[in-house]
């Protein structure tokens, strides 16, 4: 088995859509988590995050693609996780995600043709519909899967965001270089 070459392979059409992306919008529940809401006896929310997704988000930033989280919820565990990953751009507690995404594009000096988005339900649709590349996990609502250019094989909270990151890294020409560096 040859591990010196990446095993990933995406369609040319998908990679063309992704090649100019400079910002990636992520939902949280159902994308960066499995979508379940877990509560302690004290009523505190706890969340489970995938280390695969976390590494993908770090690689995006390293490649010059800004990861942005826009979520309808806010929680201490989420803020702790994003801080640990070095994610500087996040909007918490908003169900109307389009204005938040538009404001972030303006702040970054980018436009929709340079944006990708990953979501799983109705609040994510306006952002997904405007982005150059839209992605959904396989258990996303049917409407999110219908507008997605790519549906991941991995489930939300179990590597789906990493797969989305990998598409962007391959399209931008970063994946093979980053992979090779780990093989040295």
Protein backbone atom coordinates (compact mmCIF):
# COMPACT_ATOMS: atom_id res chain seq x y z
CA UNK A 1 0.00 0.00 0.00
CA UNK A 2 1.38 3.39 -1.04
CA UNK A 3 0.64 6.07 1.56
CA UNK A 4 2.76 8.75 -0.08
CA UNK A 5 -0.07 9.78 -2.44
CA UNK A 6 -3.44 11.18 -1.31
CA UNK A 7 -6.36 8.76 -1.64
CA UNK A 8 -9.03 11.42 -2.20
CA UNK A 9 -10.70 11.92 -5.53
CA UNK A 10 -13.43 14.49 -6.24
CA UNK A 11 -15.22 15.26 -9.50
CA UNK A 12 -13.72 17.97 -11.73
CA UNK A 13 -17.05 19.86 -11.63
CA UNK A 14 -16.99 19.98 -7.85
CA UNK A 15 -13.37 21.12 -7.77
CA UNK A 16 -14.09 23.87 -10.32
CA UNK A 17 -16.86 25.22 -8.08
CA UNK A 18 -14.49 25.23 -5.13
CA UNK A 19 -11.28 26.57 -6.66
CA UNK A 20 -11.85 30.28 -5.89
CA UNK A 21 -13.26 29.80 -2.38
CA UNK A 22 -11.63 32.01 0.26
CA UNK A 23 -14.23 31.72 3.04
CA UNK A 24 -16.21 28.72 4.27
CA UNK A 25 -19.36 29.09 6.35
CA UNK A 26 -20.24 26.28 8.78
CA UNK A 27 -23.38 25.56 10.73
CA UNK A 28 -22.78 23.80 14.05
CA UNK A 29 -25.60 21.45 15.10
CA UNK A 30 -25.81 18.67 12.52
CA UNK A 31 -22.59 19.76 10.78
CA UNK A 32 -19.83 20.18 13.37
CA UNK A 33 -21.85 18.01 15.79
CA UNK A 34 -24.16 15.06 15.28
CA UNK A 35 -27.15 17.37 15.76
CA UNK A 36 -28.14 15.86 19.08
CA UNK A 37 -28.67 18.08 22.09
CA UNK A 38 -27.21 16.58 25.24
CA UNK A 39 -28.11 17.97 28.65
CA UNK A 40 -26.53 17.30 32.03
CA UNK A 41 -28.68 16.84 35.14
CA UNK A 42 -27.99 20.50 35.89
CA UNK A 43 -29.47 21.47 32.52
CA UNK A 44 -26.15 22.38 30.92
CA UNK A 45 -25.72 21.63 27.23
CA UNK A 46 -22.81 19.45 26.24
CA UNK A 47 -21.63 18.77 22.70
CA UNK A 48 -19.48 16.21 20.97
CA UNK A 49 -17.04 17.42 18.31
CA UNK A 50 -14.93 15.39 15.90
CA UNK A 51 -11.17 15.79 15.92
CA UNK A 52 -11.25 15.08 12.17
CA UNK A 53 -13.40 18.16 11.63
CA UNK A 54 -11.18 20.22 13.91
CA UNK A 55 -8.06 19.32 11.98
CA UNK A 56 -9.82 20.15 8.71
CA UNK A 57 -10.76 23.60 10.01
CA UNK A 58 -7.16 24.23 11.05
CA UNK A 59 -5.93 23.15 7.61
CA UNK A 60 -8.40 25.53 5.92
CA UNK A 61 -7.04 28.46 7.89
CA UNK A 62 -3.48 27.39 7.07
CA UNK A 63 -4.44 27.37 3.37
CA UNK A 64 -5.77 30.94 3.57
CA UNK A 65 -9.44 29.94 3.53
CA UNK A 66 -11.24 31.61 6.43
CA UNK A 67 -13.53 29.29 8.39
CA UNK A 68 -16.60 31.08 9.73
CA UNK A 69 -19.16 29.57 12.08
CA UNK A 70 -22.72 30.88 11.97
CA UNK A 71 -25.05 29.16 14.39
CA UNK A 72 -28.52 29.51 15.80
CA UNK A 73 -27.31 28.49 19.24
CA UNK A 74 -24.69 29.68 21.65
CA UNK A 75 -22.99 27.56 24.25
CA UNK A 76 -19.88 27.54 26.37
CA UNK A 77 -18.69 24.20 24.92
CA UNK A 78 -18.92 25.60 21.39
CA UNK A 79 -16.99 28.74 22.31
CA UNK A 80 -14.30 26.65 24.02
CA UNK A 81 -13.97 24.40 20.94
CA UNK A 82 -13.75 27.30 18.48
CA UNK A 83 -11.16 29.05 20.63
CA UNK A 84 -9.09 25.86 20.80
CA UNK A 85 -9.20 25.64 16.99
CA UNK A 86 -8.21 29.28 16.57
CA UNK A 87 -11.44 30.19 14.77
CA UNK A 88 -11.72 33.95 14.98
CA UNK A 89 -14.93 34.51 13.00
CA UNK A 90 -18.18 33.29 14.50
CA UNK A 91 -21.74 34.54 14.86
CA UNK A 92 -23.76 32.95 17.66
CA UNK A 93 -27.48 32.80 18.35
CA UNK A 94 -28.86 33.84 14.97
CA UNK A 95 -31.55 32.01 13.01
CA UNK A 96 -31.30 34.60 10.21
CA UNK A 97 -27.92 33.53 8.89
CA UNK A 98 -27.86 35.39 5.57
CA UNK A 99 -27.27 38.89 7.03
CA UNK A 100 -24.53 37.46 9.26
CA UNK A 101 -22.82 35.82 6.28
CA UNK A 102 -23.16 38.97 4.15
CA UNK A 103 -21.64 41.10 6.91
CA UNK A 104 -18.76 38.64 7.25
CA UNK A 105 -18.11 38.73 3.49
CA UNK A 106 -18.00 42.53 3.60
CA UNK A 107 -15.68 42.48 6.63
CA UNK A 108 -13.32 40.10 4.80
CA UNK A 109 -13.56 41.99 1.49
CA UNK A 110 -14.97 38.95 -0.33
CA UNK A 111 -18.07 38.14 -2.37
CA UNK A 112 -20.39 35.15 -2.78
CA UNK A 113 -18.36 33.71 -5.66
CA UNK A 114 -15.55 33.20 -3.13
CA UNK A 115 -17.76 31.57 -0.51
CA UNK A 116 -18.63 27.99 0.34
CA UNK A 117 -21.21 26.88 2.88
CA UNK A 118 -22.09 23.73 4.76
CA UNK A 119 -25.46 23.35 6.43
CA UNK A 120 -28.11 20.81 7.25
CA UNK A 121 -31.48 22.52 7.66
CA UNK A 122 -33.75 25.36 6.59
CA UNK A 123 -31.94 28.21 8.41
CA UNK A 124 -28.82 27.36 6.36
CA UNK A 125 -30.52 27.44 2.95
CA UNK A 126 -30.17 31.17 2.12
CA UNK A 127 -26.40 31.00 2.67
CA UNK A 128 -26.06 27.68 0.85
CA UNK A 129 -28.06 28.96 -2.13
CA UNK A 130 -25.79 31.99 -2.61
CA UNK A 131 -22.43 30.31 -2.07
CA UNK A 132 -20.32 29.14 -5.01
CA UNK A 133 -20.19 25.73 -3.34
CA UNK A 134 -22.79 24.27 -0.99
CA UNK A 135 -22.34 21.08 0.98
CA UNK A 136 -24.56 19.02 3.28
CA UNK A 137 -24.06 15.95 5.44
CA UNK A 138 -26.03 12.84 4.43
CA UNK A 139 -28.57 13.13 7.24
CA UNK A 140 -29.35 16.78 6.45
CA UNK A 141 -32.93 17.78 5.75
CA UNK A 142 -34.02 17.01 2.18
CA UNK A 143 -34.12 20.72 1.24
CA UNK A 144 -30.49 21.20 2.31
CA UNK A 145 -29.40 18.13 0.36
CA UNK A 146 -31.36 19.41 -2.67
CA UNK A 147 -29.38 22.68 -2.86
CA UNK A 148 -26.03 21.08 -2.00
CA UNK A 149 -23.49 20.58 -4.76
CA UNK A 150 -21.92 17.87 -2.62
CA UNK A 151 -23.34 15.57 0.04
CA UNK A 152 -20.65 14.09 2.24
CA UNK A 153 -20.28 10.43 2.96
CA UNK A 154 -19.43 11.15 6.60
CA UNK A 155 -22.19 12.18 8.98
CA UNK A 156 -22.38 15.50 10.79
CA UNK A 157 -20.09 15.49 13.80
CA UNK A 158 -18.31 12.43 12.42
CA UNK A 159 -16.03 13.92 9.76
CA UNK A 160 -18.53 15.61 7.41
CA UNK A 161 -16.93 19.03 7.89
CA UNK A 162 -13.49 17.47 7.31
CA UNK A 163 -14.68 16.05 3.99
CA UNK A 164 -15.95 19.51 3.01
CA UNK A 165 -12.59 21.01 4.05
CA UNK A 166 -10.79 18.38 1.99
CA UNK A 167 -12.77 19.36 -1.13
CA UNK A 168 -11.70 22.97 -0.64
CA UNK A 169 -8.08 22.01 0.05
CA UNK A 170 -7.87 19.79 -3.05
CA UNK A 171 -9.49 22.47 -5.23
CA UNK A 172 -7.08 25.11 -3.96
CA UNK A 173 -4.04 22.93 -4.58
CA UNK A 174 -3.14 22.66 -0.89
CA UNK A 175 -4.15 19.13 0.03
CA UNK A 176 -1.35 17.18 -1.66
CA UNK A 177 1.30 19.55 -0.26
CA UNK A 178 -0.07 19.38 3.30
CA UNK A 179 -0.39 15.59 3.02
CA UNK A 180 3.16 15.22 1.74
CA UNK A 181 4.47 17.31 4.65
CA UNK A 182 3.00 14.80 7.09
CA UNK A 183 4.75 11.94 5.29
CA UNK A 184 8.23 13.46 5.63
